[in-house]
Protein backbone atom coordinates (compact mmCIF):
# COMPACT_ATOMS: atom_id res chain seq x y z
CA MET A 1 -6.41 -14.12 13.65
CA VAL A 2 -6.49 -13.20 9.97
CA ASP A 3 -8.19 -9.76 9.13
CA SER A 4 -7.70 -7.65 6.28
CA PHE A 5 -8.44 -3.83 5.68
CA LEU A 6 -7.87 -1.69 2.64
CA LEU A 7 -5.68 1.30 2.49
CA SER A 8 -6.31 3.75 -0.36
CA LEU A 9 -4.41 6.76 -0.93
CA GLU A 10 -4.58 9.17 -4.11
CA SER A 11 -1.69 9.64 -6.15
CA ASN A 12 -0.67 10.72 -9.79
CA PRO A 13 1.81 8.29 -11.43
CA THR A 14 2.09 10.83 -14.49
CA THR A 15 3.79 13.28 -12.43
CA GLY A 16 6.43 10.71 -11.03
CA TYR A 17 4.93 11.04 -7.45
CA ALA A 18 3.69 7.85 -5.81
CA TRP A 19 3.21 6.57 -2.29
CA GLN A 20 5.78 3.90 -0.68
CA ALA A 21 4.27 1.88 2.24
CA GLN A 22 6.59 0.95 4.94
CA PHE A 23 5.62 -1.48 7.22
CA ASP A 24 6.87 -4.53 9.62
CA ASP A 25 6.50 -7.42 7.27
CA GLU A 26 6.14 -9.56 10.31
CA LEU A 27 2.87 -8.27 11.11
CA PHE A 28 1.70 -7.12 7.74
CA GLU A 29 1.59 -8.56 4.13
CA LEU A 30 1.22 -6.12 1.16
CA VAL A 31 -1.11 -7.99 -1.12
CA GLU A 32 -1.54 -5.58 -4.04
CA SER A 33 -0.25 -2.27 -5.22
CA LYS A 34 -1.73 -0.44 -8.43
CA PHE A 35 -2.05 2.96 -9.81
């Protein structure tokens, strides 16, 4: 089964703060990460 979903978290890269995702790469694939 191949389903996709979007997870969007607010961040402000000018403050030096950004979210870092931790997940099981056997189950999930990170497709895109951007500010």
